[in-house]
Amino acid sequence: MSKLQTLGAGQGYLKAGFLGFPKSGKTFTAAKLAIGTRELFNLKGPIAMFDTEGGAEYVAAMIRKETGLDLMGVRARSLVTLLETGRECEASGVSVFIADSITHPWRELCESYLKQINEVRKAKNRSLQTRLEFQDWNPIKAKWAEWTDFYLNSKLHIIICGRAGFEWDFEERADGSGKDLIKTGIKMKTEGEFGFEPSLLVEMERIQDRREGKDLIHRATVLGDRFDAIDGATMDNPGFDFFRPHLEMLVAGAHAGVDTKDQTDFGVEDDGSSFDRERKIRVILCEKIQAAMIERWPGQTTKEKQAKVAVLFEAFGTKSWTEVETRISLETLKSGLALIEAKSAEVEA
């Protein structure tokens, strides 16, 4: 039976996202967009909000005035409650669902996992983890994917707001003397890939501007518009009309969902999970890396210690052994081990 089908019938539901630093206008602008979306599509249900930081109280009156209906919602922060709220909104005919801030459910998920891991470790008289380690991210991301799937596939207009954070990277110095850590942009403070999911992604900025009698403006910049209707556009203190071209590209009632039920079979045997095997491989590789460095630099002189740090950075881009143990991918560990063993062989030759 063929899986191919005709595509291009259109997307019918708004999937928008706002990111910005504090007091940049995310909540207010999201509320304006929700009101306009409800009116444009002649929807009859209320606007609902998953409120993690009390922002609903500052837009409820405006929403009531513009729609004639009370703002509905839930005040909570857990991922489980966010999903339950979203599903209830979809089932009960809510017009637009706002999640503000999406950063809190992500943090709650990470904190809850670490807490539960430590409860198990404590019961087994093992030392507690002070932070999440490399092997912890797979189950966390798998749980978060439940929200991502709902966000993309639900027959519901959804607007998310998230806190902004800086992206950092290393830049080679012009004189070749080393690398500097520099800011390369901003990102939404949530699961790393989720910031790419909104079909309309907008950055909000708080700008001090005393010209023309204005003390403060809230500037919106469209970082991504999949319809390319307003991609890259900027406006100060935007209302719904700024976003209208994107909304007008939506096809009312159309639903372009993605099948997330089919799962790839890895053929995992009963001798343990893939996470356990990955952990064992990681331990073995790290032990081999340490042995190769000790073989090359067996002493504890300042020169030898500096040499170990230098080769660690060359192989893995970090001077932290903890980061090597917990965050570096298996592929990078293997290539780094090969590099260090090659250096040891060069000396022996």
C-alpha atoms as a PDB file:
ATOM      1  CA  MET A   1       0.000   0.000   0.000  1.00  0.00           C
ATOM      2  CA  SER A   2       1.490   3.317  -1.080  1.00  0.00           C
ATOM      3  CA  LYS A   3       2.296   5.889   1.584  1.00  0.00           C
ATOM      4  CA  LEU A   4       2.478   8.746  -0.932  1.00  0.00           C
ATOM      5  CA  GLN A   5      -0.275  11.363  -0.804  1.00  0.00           C
ATOM      6  CA  THR A   6      -0.926  14.752  -2.302  1.00  0.00           C
ATOM      7  CA  LEU A   7       0.650  17.535  -0.253  1.00  0.00           C
ATOM      8  CA  GLY A   8       0.062  21.267  -0.343  1.00  0.00           C
ATOM      9  CA  ALA A   9      -3.521  21.448   0.925  1.00  0.00           C
ATOM     10  CA  GLY A  10      -2.357  24.069   3.392  1.00  0.00           C
ATOM     11  CA  GLN A  11      -1.852  24.540   7.112  1.00  0.00           C
ATOM     12  CA  GLY A  12      -4.884  25.662   9.046  1.00  0.00           C
ATOM     13  CA  TYR A  13      -3.547  26.429  12.517  1.00  0.00           C
ATOM     14  CA  LEU A  14      -1.250  29.146  13.801  1.00  0.00           C
ATOM     15  CA  LYS A  15       1.880  27.842  15.524  1.00  0.00           C
ATOM     16  CA  ALA A  16       3.617  31.008  16.713  1.00  0.00           C
ATOM     17  CA  GLY A  17       6.418  31.742  19.149  1.00  0.00           C
ATOM     18  CA  PHE A  18       7.731  34.874  20.864  1.00  0.00           C
ATOM     19  CA  LEU A  19      11.117  35.072  22.557  1.00  0.00           C
ATOM     20  CA  GLY A  20      12.717  37.975  24.362  1.00  0.00           C
ATOM     21  CA  PHE A  21      14.346  39.231  27.524  1.00  0.00           C
ATOM     22  CA  PRO A  22      12.262  40.491  30.494  1.00  0.00           C
ATOM     23  CA  LYS A  23       9.758  43.288  29.828  1.00  0.00           C
ATOM     24  CA  SER A  24      10.177  43.062  26.062  1.00  0.00           C
ATOM     25  CA  GLY A  25       6.435  42.810  25.415  1.00  0.00           C
ATOM     26  CA  LYS A  26       6.041  39.089  24.754  1.00  0.00           C
ATOM     27  CA  THR A  27       2.835  38.506  26.716  1.00  0.00           C
ATOM     28  CA  PHE A  28       1.049  41.654  25.549  1.00  0.00           C
ATOM     29  CA  THR A  29       1.922  41.092  21.892  1.00  0.00           C
ATOM     30  CA  ALA A  30       0.946  37.406  22.106  1.00  0.00           C
ATOM     31  CA  ALA A  31      -2.430  38.455  23.520  1.00  0.00           C
ATOM     32  CA  LYS A  32      -2.912  40.921  20.647  1.00  0.00           C
ATOM     33  CA  LEU A  33      -2.093  38.172  18.156  1.00  0.00           C
ATOM     34  CA  ALA A  34      -4.526  35.765  19.851  1.00  0.00           C
ATOM     35  CA  ILE A  35      -7.353  38.312  19.758  1.00  0.00           C
ATOM     36  CA  GLY A  36      -6.736  39.062  16.084  1.00  0.00           C
ATOM     37  CA  THR A  37      -6.516  35.366  15.177  1.00  0.00           C
ATOM     38  CA  ARG A  38      -9.843  34.653  16.856  1.00  0.00           C
ATOM     39  CA  GLU A  39     -11.501  37.533  15.010  1.00  0.00           C
ATOM     40  CA  LEU A  40      -9.944  36.762  11.601  1.00  0.00           C
ATOM     41  CA  PHE A  41     -11.189  33.166  11.622  1.00  0.00           C
ATOM     42  CA  ASN A  42     -14.535  34.076  13.237  1.00  0.00           C
ATOM     43  CA  LEU A  43     -13.962  31.694  16.136  1.00  0.00           C
ATOM     44  CA  LYS A  44     -16.458  31.543  18.992  1.00  0.00           C
ATOM     45  CA  GLY A  45     -14.523  29.917  21.804  1.00  0.00           C
ATOM     46  CA  PRO A  46     -12.542  31.723  24.509  1.00  0.00           C
ATOM     47  CA  ILE A  47      -8.823  32.397  24.570  1.00  0.00           C
ATOM     48  CA  ALA A  48      -6.985  30.233  27.121  1.00  0.00           C
ATOM     49  CA  MET A  49      -3.606  30.609  28.772  1.00  0.00           C
ATOM     50  CA  PHE A  50      -1.124  28.339  30.531  1.00  0.00           C
ATOM     51  CA  ASP A  51       0.272  30.948  32.906  1.00  0.00           C
ATOM     52  CA  THR A  52       3.588  30.202  34.631  1.00  0.00           C
ATOM     53  CA  GLU A  53       4.400  33.665  35.975  1.00  0.00           C
ATOM     54  CA  GLY A  54       1.158  35.608  36.565  1.00  0.00           C
ATOM     55  CA  GLY A  55       1.123  37.411  33.222  1.00  0.00           C
ATOM     56  CA  ALA A  56      -2.524  36.537  32.572  1.00  0.00           C
ATOM     57  CA  GLU A  57      -3.702  39.128  35.080  1.00  0.00           C
ATOM     58  CA  TYR A  58      -2.268  41.950  32.972  1.00  0.00           C
ATOM     59  CA  VAL A  59      -3.963  40.996  29.688  1.00  0.00           C
ATOM     60  CA  ALA A  60      -7.218  39.453  30.940  1.00  0.00           C
ATOM     61  CA  ALA A  61      -9.110  42.765  30.920  1.00  0.00           C
ATOM     62  CA  MET A  62      -8.009  43.555  27.350  1.00  0.00           C
ATOM     63  CA  ILE A  63      -9.015  40.084  26.158  1.00  0.00           C
ATOM     64  CA  ARG A  64     -12.402  40.344  27.904  1.00  0.00           C
ATOM     65  CA  LYS A  65     -13.032  43.757  26.324  1.00  0.00           C
ATOM     66  CA  GLU A  66     -12.042  42.655  22.793  1.00  0.00           C
ATOM     67  CA  THR A  67     -13.710  39.222  22.777  1.00  0.00           C
ATOM     68  CA  GLY A  68     -16.584  39.582  25.246  1.00  0.00           C
ATOM     69  CA  LEU A  69     -15.371  36.419  26.993  1.00  0.00           C
ATOM     70  CA  ASP A  70     -13.236  35.833  30.065  1.00  0.00           C
ATOM     71  CA  LEU A  71      -9.656  34.631  29.644  1.00  0.00           C
ATOM     72  CA  MET A  72      -9.587  30.979  30.706  1.00  0.00           C
ATOM     73  CA  GLY A  73      -6.536  29.101  31.872  1.00  0.00           C
ATOM     74  CA  VAL A  74      -4.341  27.305  34.364  1.00  0.00           C
ATOM     75  CA  ARG A  75      -1.572  28.624  36.610  1.00  0.00           C
ATOM     76  CA  ALA A  76       1.110  25.942  36.783  1.00  0.00           C
ATOM     77  CA  ARG A  77       4.606  25.063  35.567  1.00  0.00           C
ATOM     78  CA  SER A  78       4.809  21.303  35.027  1.00  0.00           C
ATOM     79  CA  LEU A  79       5.071  19.749  31.586  1.00  0.00           C
ATOM     80  CA  VAL A  80       2.359  17.221  32.474  1.00  0.00           C
ATOM     81  CA  THR A  81      -0.102  20.001  33.337  1.00  0.00           C
ATOM     82  CA  LEU A  82       0.831  21.918  30.176  1.00  0.00           C
ATOM     83  CA  LEU A  83      -0.043  18.868  28.038  1.00  0.00           C
ATOM     84  CA  GLU A  84      -3.261  18.235  29.945  1.00  0.00           C
ATOM     85  CA  THR A  85      -4.270  21.886  29.536  1.00  0.00           C
ATOM     86  CA  GLY A  86      -3.508  21.886  25.818  1.00  0.00           C
ATOM     87  CA  ARG A  87      -5.517  18.724  25.214  1.00  0.00           C
ATOM     88  CA  GLU A  88      -8.464  20.120  27.174  1.00  0.00           C
ATOM     89  CA  CYS A  89      -8.300  23.315  25.126  1.00  0.00           C
ATOM     90  CA  GLU A  90      -8.390  21.333  21.879  1.00  0.00           C
ATOM     91  CA  ALA A  91     -11.291  19.156  23.044  1.00  0.00           C
ATOM     92  CA  SER A  92     -13.383  22.010  24.475  1.00  0.00           C
ATOM     93  CA  GLY A  93     -13.256  24.389  21.496  1.00  0.00           C
ATOM     94  CA  VAL A  94     -10.835  27.019  22.791  1.00  0.00           C
ATOM     95  CA  SER A  95     -10.069  29.519  20.009  1.00  0.00           C
ATOM     96  CA  VAL A  96      -6.399  30.227  20.794  1.00  0.00           C
ATOM     97  CA  PHE A  97      -4.093  28.720  23.428  1.00  0.00           C
ATOM     98  CA  ILE A  98      -1.210  30.796  24.839  1.00  0.00           C
ATOM     99  CA  ALA A  99       1.615  29.110  26.789  1.00  0.00           C
ATOM    100  CA  ASP A 100       3.580  31.752  28.719  1.00  0.00           C
ATOM    101  CA  SER A 101       6.338  31.020  29.538  1.00  0.00           C
ATOM    102  CA  ILE A 102       7.387  27.778  27.837  1.00  0.00           C
ATOM    103  CA  THR A 103      10.743  28.116  29.613  1.00  0.00           C
ATOM    104  CA  HIS A 104       9.266  27.044  32.957  1.00  0.00           C
ATOM    105  CA  PRO A 105       7.894  23.623  31.864  1.00  0.00           C
ATOM    106  CA  TRP A 106      11.293  22.833  30.329  1.00  0.00           C
ATOM    107  CA  ARG A 107      13.090  23.753  33.554  1.00  0.00           C
ATOM    108  CA  GLU A 108      10.537  21.829  35.608  1.00  0.00           C
ATOM    109  CA  LEU A 109      11.095  18.738  33.468  1.00  0.00           C
ATOM    110  CA  CYS A 110      14.881  18.902  33.934  1.00  0.00           C
ATOM    111  CA  GLU A 111      14.653  19.607  37.665  1.00  0.00           C
ATOM    112  CA  SER A 112      12.106  16.829  38.243  1.00  0.00           C
ATOM    113  CA  TYR A 113      14.252  14.280  36.424  1.00  0.00           C
ATOM    114  CA  LEU A 114      17.368  15.198  38.438  1.00  0.00           C
ATOM    115  CA  LYS A 115      15.371  15.076  41.679  1.00  0.00           C
ATOM    116  CA  GLN A 116      13.969  11.627  40.885  1.00  0.00           C
ATOM    117  CA  ILE A 117      17.375  10.309  39.798  1.00  0.00           C
ATOM    118  CA  ASN A 118      18.815  11.450  43.123  1.00  0.00           C
ATOM    119  CA  GLU A 119      15.970   9.852  45.084  1.00  0.00           C
ATOM    120  CA  VAL A 120      16.890   6.511  43.516  1.00  0.00           C
ATOM    121  CA  ARG A 121      20.628   7.088  44.107  1.00  0.00           C
ATOM    122  CA  LYS A 122      19.987   8.041  47.732  1.00  0.00           C
ATOM    123  CA  ALA A 123      17.947   4.887  48.303  1.00  0.00           C
ATOM    124  CA  LYS A 124      20.905   2.875  46.981  1.00  0.00           C
ATOM    125  CA  ASN A 125      23.398   4.825  49.165  1.00  0.00           C
ATOM    126  CA  ARG A 126      25.070   6.289  46.088  1.00  0.00           C
ATOM    127  CA  SER A 127      26.448   9.825  45.772  1.00  0.00           C
ATOM    128  CA  LEU A 128      24.000  12.393  44.457  1.00  0.00           C
ATOM    129  CA  GLN A 129      24.304  14.086  41.066  1.00  0.00           C
ATOM    130  CA  THR A 130      24.731  17.838  41.227  1.00  0.00           C
ATOM    131  CA  ARG A 131      23.654  18.287  37.612  1.00  0.00           C
ATOM    132  CA  LEU A 132      22.257  16.393  34.653  1.00  0.00           C
ATOM    133  CA  GLU A 133      24.786  14.269  32.797  1.00  0.00           C
ATOM    134  CA  PHE A 134      25.079  13.294  29.141  1.00  0.00           C
ATOM    135  CA  GLN A 135      23.112  10.051  29.483  1.00  0.00           C
ATOM    136  CA  ASP A 136      20.204  11.867  31.180  1.00  0.00           C
ATOM    137  CA  TRP A 137      19.266  13.980  28.173  1.00  0.00           C
ATOM    138  CA  ASN A 138      17.803  11.182  26.045  1.00  0.00           C
ATOM    139  CA  PRO A 139      14.884  10.348  28.388  1.00  0.00           C
ATOM    140  CA  ILE A 140      14.306  14.055  29.092  1.00  0.00           C
ATOM    141  CA  LYS A 141      14.134  14.917  25.403  1.00  0.00           C
ATOM    142  CA  ALA A 142      11.874  11.918  24.753  1.00  0.00           C
ATOM    143  CA  LYS A 143       9.416  13.197  27.359  1.00  0.00           C
ATOM    144  CA  TRP A 144       9.584  16.743  25.976  1.00  0.00           C
ATOM    145  CA  ALA A 145       8.790  15.353  22.510  1.00  0.00           C
ATOM    146  CA  GLU A 146       5.236  14.651  23.731  1.00  0.00           C
ATOM    147  CA  TRP A 147       4.698  18.406  23.956  1.00  0.00           C
ATOM    148  CA  THR A 148       6.419  19.075  20.628  1.00  0.00           C
ATOM    149  CA  ASP A 149       4.182  16.529  18.882  1.00  0.00           C
ATOM    150  CA  PHE A 150       1.072  18.070  20.424  1.00  0.00           C
ATOM    151  CA  TYR A 151       2.163  21.604  19.552  1.00  0.00           C
ATOM    152  CA  LEU A 152       2.706  20.745  15.888  1.00  0.00           C
ATOM    153  CA  ASN A 153      -0.162  18.296  15.312  1.00  0.00           C
ATOM    154  CA  SER A 154      -3.030  19.669  17.399  1.00  0.00           C
ATOM    155  CA  LYS A 155      -6.042  21.250  15.692  1.00  0.00           C
ATOM    156  CA  LEU A 156      -5.551  24.342  17.793  1.00  0.00           C
ATOM    157  CA  HIS A 157      -4.041  27.784  17.303  1.00  0.00           C
ATOM    158  CA  ILE A 158      -1.113  27.909  19.755  1.00  0.00           C
ATOM    159  CA  ILE A 159       1.157  30.812  20.707  1.00  0.00           C
ATOM    160  CA  ILE A 160       4.159  30.214  22.954  1.00  0.00           C
ATOM    161  CA  CYS A 161       6.279  32.772  24.784  1.00  0.00           C
ATOM    162  CA  GLY A 162       9.785  31.943  25.955  1.00  0.00           C
ATOM    163  CA  ARG A 163      12.625  33.723  27.680  1.00  0.00           C
ATOM    164  CA  ALA A 164      15.658  34.583  25.570  1.00  0.00           C
ATOM    165  CA  GLY A 165      19.239  33.583  26.283  1.00  0.00           C
ATOM    166  CA  PHE A 166      22.527  34.236  24.524  1.00  0.00           C
ATOM    167  CA  GLU A 167      24.190  31.722  22.224  1.00  0.00           C
ATOM    168  CA  TRP A 168      27.966  31.397  22.632  1.00  0.00           C
ATOM    169  CA  ASP A 169      30.730  29.949  20.486  1.00  0.00           C
ATOM    170  CA  PHE A 170      34.512  29.997  20.157  1.00  0.00           C
ATOM    171  CA  GLU A 171      36.117  32.278  17.568  1.00  0.00           C
ATOM    172  CA  GLU A 172      39.699  31.893  16.407  1.00  0.00           C
ATOM    173  CA  ARG A 173      41.861  34.944  17.075  1.00  0.00           C
ATOM    174  CA  ALA A 174      43.273  36.712  14.036  1.00  0.00           C
ATOM    175  CA  ASP A 175      46.851  36.160  15.221  1.00  0.00           C
ATOM    176  CA  GLY A 176      46.245  32.419  15.712  1.00  0.00           C
ATOM    177  CA  SER A 177      47.114  32.611  19.418  1.00  0.00           C
ATOM    178  CA  GLY A 178      43.916  30.891  20.572  1.00  0.00           C
ATOM    179  CA  LYS A 179      40.152  31.210  20.726  1.00  0.00           C
ATOM    180  CA  ASP A 180      37.787  33.675  22.400  1.00  0.00           C
ATOM    181  CA  LEU A 181      34.290  32.905  23.676  1.00  0.00           C
ATOM    182  CA  ILE A 182      31.867  35.284  21.939  1.00  0.00           C
ATOM    183  CA  LYS A 183      28.117  35.892  21.711  1.00  0.00           C
ATOM    184  CA  THR A 184      26.792  34.680  18.374  1.00  0.00           C
ATOM    185  CA  GLY A 185      23.068  35.342  18.793  1.00  0.00           C
ATOM    186  CA  ILE A 186      20.071  34.631  21.012  1.00  0.00           C
ATOM    187  CA  LYS A 187      17.860  31.600  21.444  1.00  0.00           C
ATOM    188  CA  MET A 188      14.731  30.596  23.323  1.00  0.00           C
ATOM    189  CA  LYS A 189      15.423  29.133  26.782  1.00  0.00           C
ATOM    190  CA  THR A 190      13.799  25.757  26.259  1.00  0.00           C
ATOM    191  CA  GLU A 191      14.717  22.392  24.756  1.00  0.00           C
ATOM    192  CA  GLY A 192      17.373  23.092  22.127  1.00  0.00           C
ATOM    193  CA  GLU A 193      15.414  22.042  19.045  1.00  0.00           C
ATOM    194  CA  PHE A 194      12.009  23.427  20.056  1.00  0.00           C
ATOM    195  CA  GLY A 195      12.935  26.977  19.078  1.00  0.00           C
ATOM    196  CA  PHE A 196      12.843  25.807  15.438  1.00  0.00           C
ATOM    197  CA  GLU A 197       9.263  24.466  15.619  1.00  0.00           C
ATOM    198  CA  PRO A 198       7.101  27.629  15.420  1.00  0.00           C
ATOM    199  CA  SER A 199       6.010  28.504  11.884  1.00  0.00           C
ATOM    200  CA  LEU A 200       6.068  32.151  12.956  1.00  0.00           C
ATOM    201  CA  LEU A 201       8.936  33.040  15.308  1.00  0.00           C
ATOM    202  CA  VAL A 202       9.274  36.591  16.625  1.00  0.00           C
ATOM    203  CA  GLU A 203      11.947  38.222  18.738  1.00  0.00           C
ATOM    204  CA  MET A 204      10.762  41.004  21.066  1.00  0.00           C
ATOM    205  CA  GLU A 205      13.131  43.722  22.273  1.00  0.00           C
ATOM    206  CA  ARG A 206      12.766  46.469  24.871  1.00  0.00           C
ATOM    207  CA  ILE A 207      14.218  49.645  23.369  1.00  0.00           C
ATOM    208  CA  GLN A 208      14.920  52.905  25.210  1.00  0.00           C
ATOM    209  CA  ASP A 209      14.140  55.753  22.797  1.00  0.00           C
ATOM    210  CA  ARG A 210      13.508  59.297  24.000  1.00  0.00           C
ATOM    211  CA  ARG A 211      12.957  60.738  20.548  1.00  0.00           C
ATOM    212  CA  GLU A 212       9.521  62.044  19.619  1.00  0.00           C
ATOM    213  CA  GLY A 213       8.433  61.858  23.256  1.00  0.00           C
ATOM    214  CA  LYS A 214       8.736  58.064  23.468  1.00  0.00           C
ATOM    215  CA  ASP A 215      10.470  56.679  26.544  1.00  0.00           C
ATOM    216  CA  LEU A 216      10.114  53.004  25.692  1.00  0.00           C
ATOM    217  CA  ILE A 217       9.185  50.908  22.678  1.00  0.00           C
ATOM    218  CA  HIS A 218       8.711  47.186  22.160  1.00  0.00           C
ATOM    219  CA  ARG A 219      10.256  46.111  18.872  1.00  0.00           C
ATOM    220  CA  ALA A 220       9.227  42.929  17.065  1.00  0.00           C
ATOM    221  CA  THR A 221      11.512  41.248  14.540  1.00  0.00           C
ATOM    222  CA  VAL A 222      10.294  38.212  12.621  1.00  0.00           C
ATOM    223  CA  LEU A 223      13.099  35.648  12.837  1.00  0.00           C
ATOM    224  CA  GLY A 224      11.208  33.066  10.856  1.00  0.00           C
ATOM    225  CA  ASP A 225       8.038  32.922   8.772  1.00  0.00           C
ATOM    226  CA  ARG A 226       7.598  29.683   6.847  1.00  0.00           C
ATOM    227  CA  PHE A 227       5.213  31.372   4.412  1.00  0.00           C
ATOM    228  CA  ASP A 228       7.861  34.071   3.809  1.00  0.00           C
ATOM    229  CA  ALA A 229       5.105  36.669   4.048  1.00  0.00           C
ATOM    230  CA  ILE A 230       6.771  38.823   6.737  1.00  0.00           C
ATOM    231  CA  ASP A 231      10.092  37.031   7.223  1.00  0.00           C
ATOM    232  CA  GLY A 232      12.674  39.530   8.510  1.00  0.00           C
ATOM    233  CA  ALA A 233      10.116  42.295   8.994  1.00  0.00           C
ATOM    234  CA  THR A 234      10.420  44.657  11.981  1.00  0.00           C
ATOM    235  CA  MET A 235       7.882  46.892  13.714  1.00  0.00           C
ATOM    236  CA  ASP A 236       7.760  48.918  16.920  1.00  0.00           C
ATOM    237  CA  ASN A 237       4.808  48.246  19.261  1.00  0.00           C
ATOM    238  CA  PRO A 238       3.137  45.900  16.742  1.00  0.00           C
ATOM    239  CA  GLY A 239      -0.567  45.134  16.633  1.00  0.00           C
ATOM    240  CA  PHE A 240      -2.348  42.304  14.866  1.00  0.00           C
ATOM    241  CA  ASP A 241      -2.083  43.927  11.433  1.00  0.00           C
ATOM    242  CA  PHE A 242       1.685  43.416  11.477  1.00  0.00           C
ATOM    243  CA  PHE A 243       1.159  39.643  11.679  1.00  0.00           C
ATOM    244  CA  ARG A 244      -1.931  39.494   9.444  1.00  0.00           C
ATOM    245  CA  PRO A 245      -0.044  38.540   6.207  1.00  0.00           C
ATOM    246  CA  HIS A 246       1.118  35.305   7.862  1.00  0.00           C
ATOM    247  CA  LEU A 247      -2.363  34.530   9.213  1.00  0.00           C
ATOM    248  CA  GLU A 248      -3.963  35.136   5.833  1.00  0.00           C
ATOM    249  CA  MET A 249      -1.798  32.377   4.357  1.00  0.00           C
ATOM    250  CA  LEU A 250      -3.416  29.826   6.676  1.00  0.00           C
ATOM    251  CA  VAL A 251      -6.227  27.703   5.228  1.00  0.00           C
ATOM    252  CA  ALA A 252      -9.109  27.541   7.698  1.00  0.00           C
ATOM    253  CA  GLY A 253      -9.910  23.957   8.654  1.00  0.00           C
ATOM    254  CA  ALA A 254      -6.878  22.416   6.928  1.00  0.00           C
ATOM    255  CA  HIS A 255      -4.722  20.126   9.023  1.00  0.00           C
ATOM    256  CA  ALA A 256      -1.192  19.148   7.988  1.00  0.00           C
ATOM    257  CA  GLY A 257      -0.294  16.767  10.795  1.00  0.00           C
ATOM    258  CA  VAL A 258       2.830  14.610  10.948  1.00  0.00           C
ATOM    259  CA  ASP A 259       2.621  10.883  11.729  1.00  0.00           C
ATOM    260  CA  THR A 260       4.502  10.328  14.994  1.00  0.00           C
ATOM    261  CA  LYS A 261       3.116   6.867  15.807  1.00  0.00           C
ATOM    262  CA  ASP A 262       5.444   4.764  13.638  1.00  0.00           C
ATOM    263  CA  GLN A 263       8.628   3.913  15.529  1.00  0.00           C
ATOM    264  CA  THR A 264      11.909   2.526  14.204  1.00  0.00           C
ATOM    265  CA  ASP A 265      12.716  -0.924  15.605  1.00  0.00           C
ATOM    266  CA  PHE A 266      16.290  -1.070  16.917  1.00  0.00           C
ATOM    267  CA  GLY A 267      16.091  -4.747  17.810  1.00  0.00           C
ATOM    268  CA  VAL A 268      17.215  -4.112  21.390  1.00  0.00           C
ATOM    269  CA  GLU A 269      17.828  -7.372  23.261  1.00  0.00           C
ATOM    270  CA  ASP A 270      16.895  -8.195  26.851  1.00  0.00           C
ATOM    271  CA  ASP A 271      20.444  -7.686  28.150  1.00  0.00           C
ATOM    272  CA  GLY A 272      19.919  -4.015  28.879  1.00  0.00           C
ATOM    273  CA  SER A 273      18.801  -0.716  27.417  1.00  0.00           C
ATOM    274  CA  SER A 274      20.675   1.236  24.757  1.00  0.00           C
ATOM    275  CA  PHE A 275      21.313   3.925  27.394  1.00  0.00           C
ATOM    276  CA  ASP A 276      23.126   1.410  29.621  1.00  0.00           C
ATOM    277  CA  ARG A 277      25.269   0.202  26.727  1.00  0.00           C
ATOM    278  CA  GLU A 278      26.128   3.758  25.723  1.00  0.00           C
ATOM    279  CA  ARG A 279      27.161   4.536  29.290  1.00  0.00           C
ATOM    280  CA  LYS A 280      29.471   1.487  29.353  1.00  0.00           C
ATOM    281  CA  ILE A 281      31.052   2.429  26.018  1.00  0.00           C
ATOM    282  CA  ARG A 282      31.582   5.984  27.314  1.00  0.00           C
ATOM    283  CA  VAL A 283      33.336   4.725  30.454  1.00  0.00           C
ATOM    284  CA  ILE A 284      35.630   2.457  28.411  1.00  0.00           C
ATOM    285  CA  LEU A 285      36.573   5.238  25.977  1.00  0.00           C
ATOM    286  CA  CYS A 286      37.288   7.702  28.805  1.00  0.00           C
ATOM    287  CA  GLU A 287      39.493   5.139  30.542  1.00  0.00           C
ATOM    288  CA  LYS A 288      41.441   4.587  27.302  1.00  0.00           C
ATOM    289  CA  ILE A 289      41.847   8.360  26.840  1.00  0.00           C
ATOM    290  CA  GLN A 290      43.216   8.722  30.376  1.00  0.00           C
ATOM    291  CA  ALA A 291      45.576   5.760  29.857  1.00  0.00           C
ATOM    292  CA  ALA A 292      46.883   7.235  26.580  1.00  0.00           C
ATOM    293  CA  MET A 293      47.582  10.603  28.233  1.00  0.00           C
ATOM    294  CA  ILE A 294      49.303   8.976  31.222  1.00  0.00           C
ATOM    295  CA  GLU A 295      51.410   6.858  28.868  1.00  0.00           C
ATOM    296  CA  ARG A 296      52.481   9.988  26.989  1.00  0.00           C
ATOM    297  CA  TRP A 297      52.850  12.283  30.033  1.00  0.00           C
ATOM    298  CA  PRO A 298      53.306  10.028  33.112  1.00  0.00           C
ATOM    299  CA  GLY A 299      54.628  12.687  35.457  1.00  0.00           C
ATOM    300  CA  GLN A 300      52.985  15.511  37.418  1.00  0.00           C
ATOM    301  CA  THR A 301      55.263  18.387  36.468  1.00  0.00           C
ATOM    302  CA  THR A 302      53.749  21.706  35.484  1.00  0.00           C
ATOM    303  CA  LYS A 303      54.860  21.159  31.893  1.00  0.00           C
ATOM    304  CA  GLU A 304      53.226  17.725  31.705  1.00  0.00           C
ATOM    305  CA  LYS A 305      49.991  18.968  33.274  1.00  0.00           C
ATOM    306  CA  GLN A 306      49.854  21.821  30.764  1.00  0.00           C
ATOM    307  CA  ALA A 307      50.476  19.352  27.940  1.00  0.00           C
ATOM    308  CA  LYS A 308      47.566  17.180  29.090  1.00  0.00           C
ATOM    309  CA  VAL A 309      45.211  20.173  29.210  1.00  0.00           C
ATOM    310  CA  ALA A 310      46.378  21.308  25.771  1.00  0.00           C
ATOM    311  CA  VAL A 311      45.801  17.924  24.118  1.00  0.00           C
ATOM    312  CA  LEU A 312      42.418  17.634  25.844  1.00  0.00           C
ATOM    313  CA  PHE A 313      41.368  20.964  24.309  1.00  0.00           C
ATOM    314  CA  GLU A 314      42.776  19.994  20.911  1.00  0.00           C
ATOM    315  CA  ALA A 315      40.871  16.711  20.889  1.00  0.00           C
ATOM    316  CA  PHE A 316      37.569  17.789  22.430  1.00  0.00           C
ATOM    317  CA  GLY A 317      37.382  21.595  22.446  1.00  0.00           C
ATOM    318  CA  THR A 318      37.243  21.750  26.237  1.00  0.00           C
ATOM    319  CA  LYS A 319      39.673  21.798  29.173  1.00  0.00           C
ATOM    320  CA  SER A 320      37.152  20.158  31.507  1.00  0.00           C
ATOM    321  CA  TRP A 321      37.526  16.416  32.098  1.00  0.00           C
ATOM    322  CA  THR A 322      33.981  16.337  33.562  1.00  0.00           C
ATOM    323  CA  GLU A 323      32.624  17.678  30.299  1.00  0.00           C
ATOM    324  CA  VAL A 324      34.563  15.028  28.377  1.00  0.00           C
ATOM    325  CA  GLU A 325      33.062  12.301  30.594  1.00  0.00           C
ATOM    326  CA  THR A 326      29.463  13.532  30.439  1.00  0.00           C
ATOM    327  CA  ARG A 327      28.793  15.733  27.410  1.00  0.00           C
ATOM    328  CA  ILE A 328      31.073  14.811  24.504  1.00  0.00           C
ATOM    329  CA  SER A 329      29.478  12.498  21.899  1.00  0.00           C
ATOM    330  CA  LEU A 330      30.736   8.938  21.440  1.00  0.00           C
ATOM    331  CA  GLU A 331      31.926   9.752  17.924  1.00  0.00           C
ATOM    332  CA  THR A 332      34.024  12.675  19.211  1.00  0.00           C
ATOM    333  CA  LEU A 333      35.417  10.542  22.043  1.00  0.00           C
ATOM    334  CA  LYS A 334      36.547   7.944  19.503  1.00  0.00           C
ATOM    335  CA  SER A 335      38.189  10.510  17.205  1.00  0.00           C
ATOM    336  CA  GLY A 336      39.814  12.267  20.180  1.00  0.00           C
ATOM    337  CA  LEU A 337      41.207   8.974  21.456  1.00  0.00           C
ATOM    338  CA  ALA A 338      42.706   8.278  18.031  1.00  0.00           C
ATOM    339  CA  LEU A 339      44.366  11.722  18.012  1.00  0.00           C
ATOM    340  CA  ILE A 340      45.878  11.260  21.494  1.00  0.00           C
ATOM    341  CA  GLU A 341      47.101   7.731  20.684  1.00  0.00           C
ATOM    342  CA  ALA A 342      48.679   9.054  17.469  1.00  0.00           C
ATOM    343  CA  LYS A 343      50.596  11.692  19.447  1.00  0.00           C
ATOM    344  CA  SER A 344      51.829   9.010  21.847  1.00  0.00           C
ATOM    345  CA  ALA A 345      52.968   6.841  18.914  1.00  0.00           C
ATOM    346  CA  GLU A 346      54.854   9.778  17.395  1.00  0.00           C
ATOM    347  CA  VAL A 347      56.948  10.125  20.557  1.00  0.00           C
ATOM    348  CA  GLU A 348      57.668   6.402  20.757  1.00  0.00           C
ATOM    349  CA  ALA A 349      58.811   6.430  17.098  1.00  0.00           C
END
